């Protein structure tokens, strides 16, 4: 939840991960802009466009077979 992210943010954490593209996009909108977001997990092509609009997306970490 965003509240837990803010707790960690307030003590200096700036890198956070999310494994749902829609959740990452929503949280990136509502939380501080200096957070570096990591998308973790498989990425469907229709979600890539959504993530490409997240200005503070730091990296996409995906492993596929």
N, C-alpha and C. Protein backbone atom coordinates (compact mmCIF):
# COMPACT_ATOMS: atom_id res chain seq x y z
N UNK A 1 0.82 -1.22 0.00
CA UNK A 1 0.00 0.00 0.00
C UNK A 1 0.85 1.27 0.00
N UNK A 2 0.30 2.32 -0.52
CA UNK A 2 1.02 3.60 -0.62
C UNK A 2 1.48 4.12 0.73
N UNK A 3 0.72 3.84 1.79
CA UNK A 3 1.10 4.30 3.12
C UNK A 3 2.41 3.67 3.57
N UNK A 4 2.59 2.40 3.28
CA UNK A 4 3.82 1.71 3.66
C UNK A 4 5.01 2.24 2.84
N UNK A 5 4.76 2.55 1.59
CA UNK A 5 5.82 3.13 0.75
C UNK A 5 6.24 4.47 1.33
N UNK A 6 5.28 5.28 1.76
CA UNK A 6 5.60 6.58 2.33
C UNK A 6 6.37 6.45 3.64
N UNK A 7 6.07 5.43 4.43
CA UNK A 7 6.83 5.20 5.66
C UNK A 7 8.31 4.97 5.34
N UNK A 8 8.58 4.13 4.35
CA UNK A 8 9.96 3.85 3.95
C UNK A 8 10.59 5.08 3.29
N UNK A 9 9.80 5.81 2.51
CA UNK A 9 10.28 7.02 1.84
C UNK A 9 10.76 8.05 2.86
N UNK A 10 10.01 8.20 3.93
CA UNK A 10 10.32 9.21 4.94
C UNK A 10 11.62 8.93 5.68
N UNK A 11 12.11 7.70 5.64
CA UNK A 11 13.40 7.40 6.26
C UNK A 11 14.51 7.24 5.21
N UNK A 12 14.24 7.64 3.96
CA UNK A 12 15.29 7.72 2.96
C UNK A 12 15.25 6.74 1.81
N UNK A 13 14.36 5.76 1.83
CA UNK A 13 14.27 4.80 0.71
C UNK A 13 13.71 5.50 -0.52
N UNK A 14 14.34 5.26 -1.67
CA UNK A 14 13.87 5.90 -2.90
C UNK A 14 13.57 4.91 -4.03
N UNK A 15 13.99 3.67 -3.92
CA UNK A 15 13.73 2.67 -4.96
C UNK A 15 12.65 1.71 -4.46
N UNK A 16 11.61 1.57 -5.27
CA UNK A 16 10.50 0.69 -4.93
C UNK A 16 10.11 -0.13 -6.15
N UNK A 17 9.59 -1.33 -5.91
CA UNK A 17 9.19 -2.21 -7.00
C UNK A 17 7.71 -2.51 -6.98
N UNK A 18 7.20 -2.85 -8.14
CA UNK A 18 5.79 -3.21 -8.29
C UNK A 18 5.72 -4.25 -9.39
N UNK A 19 4.82 -5.23 -9.24
CA UNK A 19 4.71 -6.26 -10.28
C UNK A 19 3.41 -6.19 -11.06
N UNK A 20 2.64 -5.14 -10.86
CA UNK A 20 1.45 -4.88 -11.68
C UNK A 20 1.62 -3.52 -12.35
N UNK A 21 1.57 -3.49 -13.66
CA UNK A 21 1.81 -2.25 -14.40
C UNK A 21 0.81 -1.16 -14.01
N UNK A 22 -0.46 -1.51 -13.87
CA UNK A 22 -1.47 -0.51 -13.53
C UNK A 22 -1.22 0.07 -12.14
N UNK A 23 -0.81 -0.78 -11.20
CA UNK A 23 -0.52 -0.32 -9.84
C UNK A 23 0.68 0.61 -9.83
N UNK A 24 1.71 0.24 -10.58
CA UNK A 24 2.90 1.08 -10.65
C UNK A 24 2.55 2.45 -11.22
N UNK A 25 1.79 2.47 -12.30
CA UNK A 25 1.41 3.74 -12.92
C UNK A 25 0.59 4.60 -11.95
N UNK A 26 -0.32 3.98 -11.21
CA UNK A 26 -1.15 4.72 -10.26
C UNK A 26 -0.30 5.28 -9.12
N UNK A 27 0.56 4.45 -8.57
CA UNK A 27 1.40 4.89 -7.46
C UNK A 27 2.39 5.96 -7.90
N UNK A 28 2.92 5.83 -9.10
CA UNK A 28 3.86 6.83 -9.61
C UNK A 28 3.18 8.19 -9.76
N UNK A 29 1.89 8.20 -10.04
CA UNK A 29 1.14 9.45 -10.14
C UNK A 29 0.94 10.10 -8.79
N UNK A 30 0.63 9.30 -7.78
CA UNK A 30 0.21 9.86 -6.49
C UNK A 30 1.34 10.04 -5.48
N UNK A 31 2.46 9.36 -5.67
CA UNK A 31 3.56 9.44 -4.71
C UNK A 31 4.66 10.39 -5.22
N UNK A 32 5.62 10.75 -4.37
CA UNK A 32 6.66 11.71 -4.77
C UNK A 32 7.37 11.33 -6.07
N UNK A 33 7.71 12.34 -6.83
CA UNK A 33 8.28 12.13 -8.17
C UNK A 33 9.74 11.72 -8.15
N UNK A 34 10.41 11.79 -6.98
CA UNK A 34 11.80 11.36 -6.96
C UNK A 34 11.95 9.88 -6.59
N UNK A 35 10.83 9.17 -6.51
CA UNK A 35 10.89 7.72 -6.33
C UNK A 35 11.31 7.08 -7.64
N UNK A 36 12.23 6.12 -7.56
CA UNK A 36 12.68 5.36 -8.73
C UNK A 36 11.90 4.04 -8.73
N UNK A 37 11.05 3.87 -9.73
CA UNK A 37 10.19 2.69 -9.79
C UNK A 37 10.84 1.58 -10.59
N UNK A 38 10.71 0.36 -10.08
CA UNK A 38 11.18 -0.85 -10.76
C UNK A 38 9.95 -1.69 -11.06
N UNK A 39 9.77 -2.04 -12.31
CA UNK A 39 8.71 -2.99 -12.67
C UNK A 39 9.35 -4.37 -12.65
N UNK A 40 8.74 -5.29 -11.91
CA UNK A 40 9.31 -6.63 -11.73
C UNK A 40 8.31 -7.67 -12.22
N UNK A 41 8.69 -8.44 -13.21
CA UNK A 41 7.82 -9.51 -13.67
C UNK A 41 7.60 -9.48 -15.16
N UNK A 42 6.82 -10.44 -15.66
CA UNK A 42 6.55 -10.50 -17.09
C UNK A 42 5.78 -9.27 -17.55
N UNK A 43 6.10 -8.83 -18.73
CA UNK A 43 5.47 -7.62 -19.27
C UNK A 43 4.80 -7.93 -20.60
N UNK A 44 3.48 -7.80 -20.61
CA UNK A 44 2.73 -7.99 -21.85
C UNK A 44 2.89 -6.74 -22.71
N UNK A 45 2.87 -6.92 -24.02
CA UNK A 45 3.09 -5.79 -24.92
C UNK A 45 2.06 -4.68 -24.72
N UNK A 46 0.84 -5.04 -24.35
CA UNK A 46 -0.17 -4.00 -24.16
C UNK A 46 0.08 -3.19 -22.88
N UNK A 47 0.90 -3.68 -21.97
CA UNK A 47 1.23 -2.93 -20.75
C UNK A 47 2.49 -2.09 -20.93
N UNK A 48 3.27 -2.39 -21.95
CA UNK A 48 4.51 -1.63 -22.20
C UNK A 48 4.21 -0.17 -22.47
N UNK A 49 3.16 0.11 -23.18
CA UNK A 49 2.80 1.50 -23.48
C UNK A 49 2.47 2.26 -22.20
N UNK A 50 1.75 1.61 -21.29
CA UNK A 50 1.40 2.21 -20.01
C UNK A 50 2.66 2.55 -19.22
N UNK A 51 3.58 1.61 -19.13
CA UNK A 51 4.82 1.85 -18.38
C UNK A 51 5.69 2.91 -19.04
N UNK A 52 5.67 3.00 -20.35
CA UNK A 52 6.51 3.98 -21.04
C UNK A 52 6.12 5.41 -20.70
N UNK A 53 4.93 5.61 -20.17
CA UNK A 53 4.47 6.95 -19.79
C UNK A 53 4.84 7.33 -18.36
N UNK A 54 5.41 6.38 -17.60
CA UNK A 54 5.81 6.66 -16.22
C UNK A 54 7.18 7.33 -16.26
N UNK A 55 7.21 8.62 -15.95
CA UNK A 55 8.45 9.40 -16.08
C UNK A 55 9.56 8.93 -15.14
N UNK A 56 9.21 8.44 -13.97
CA UNK A 56 10.24 8.02 -13.03
C UNK A 56 10.38 6.50 -12.95
N UNK A 57 10.11 5.82 -14.06
CA UNK A 57 10.38 4.38 -14.15
C UNK A 57 11.88 4.19 -14.28
N UNK A 58 12.49 3.52 -13.33
CA UNK A 58 13.93 3.34 -13.30
C UNK A 58 14.36 2.18 -14.18
N UNK A 59 13.66 1.05 -14.06
CA UNK A 59 14.02 -0.10 -14.89
C UNK A 59 12.88 -1.12 -14.91
N UNK A 60 12.95 -1.97 -15.92
CA UNK A 60 12.02 -3.09 -16.05
C UNK A 60 12.85 -4.36 -15.86
N UNK A 61 12.49 -5.14 -14.86
CA UNK A 61 13.24 -6.35 -14.53
C UNK A 61 12.34 -7.54 -14.84
N UNK A 62 12.63 -8.18 -15.97
CA UNK A 62 11.77 -9.26 -16.45
C UNK A 62 12.62 -10.47 -16.82
N UNK A 63 12.21 -11.62 -16.36
CA UNK A 63 12.87 -12.86 -16.73
C UNK A 63 11.82 -13.73 -17.41
N UNK A 64 12.16 -14.27 -18.56
CA UNK A 64 11.23 -15.12 -19.29
C UNK A 64 12.00 -16.38 -19.70
N UNK A 65 11.25 -17.43 -19.88
CA UNK A 65 11.90 -18.69 -20.27
C UNK A 65 12.23 -18.71 -21.72
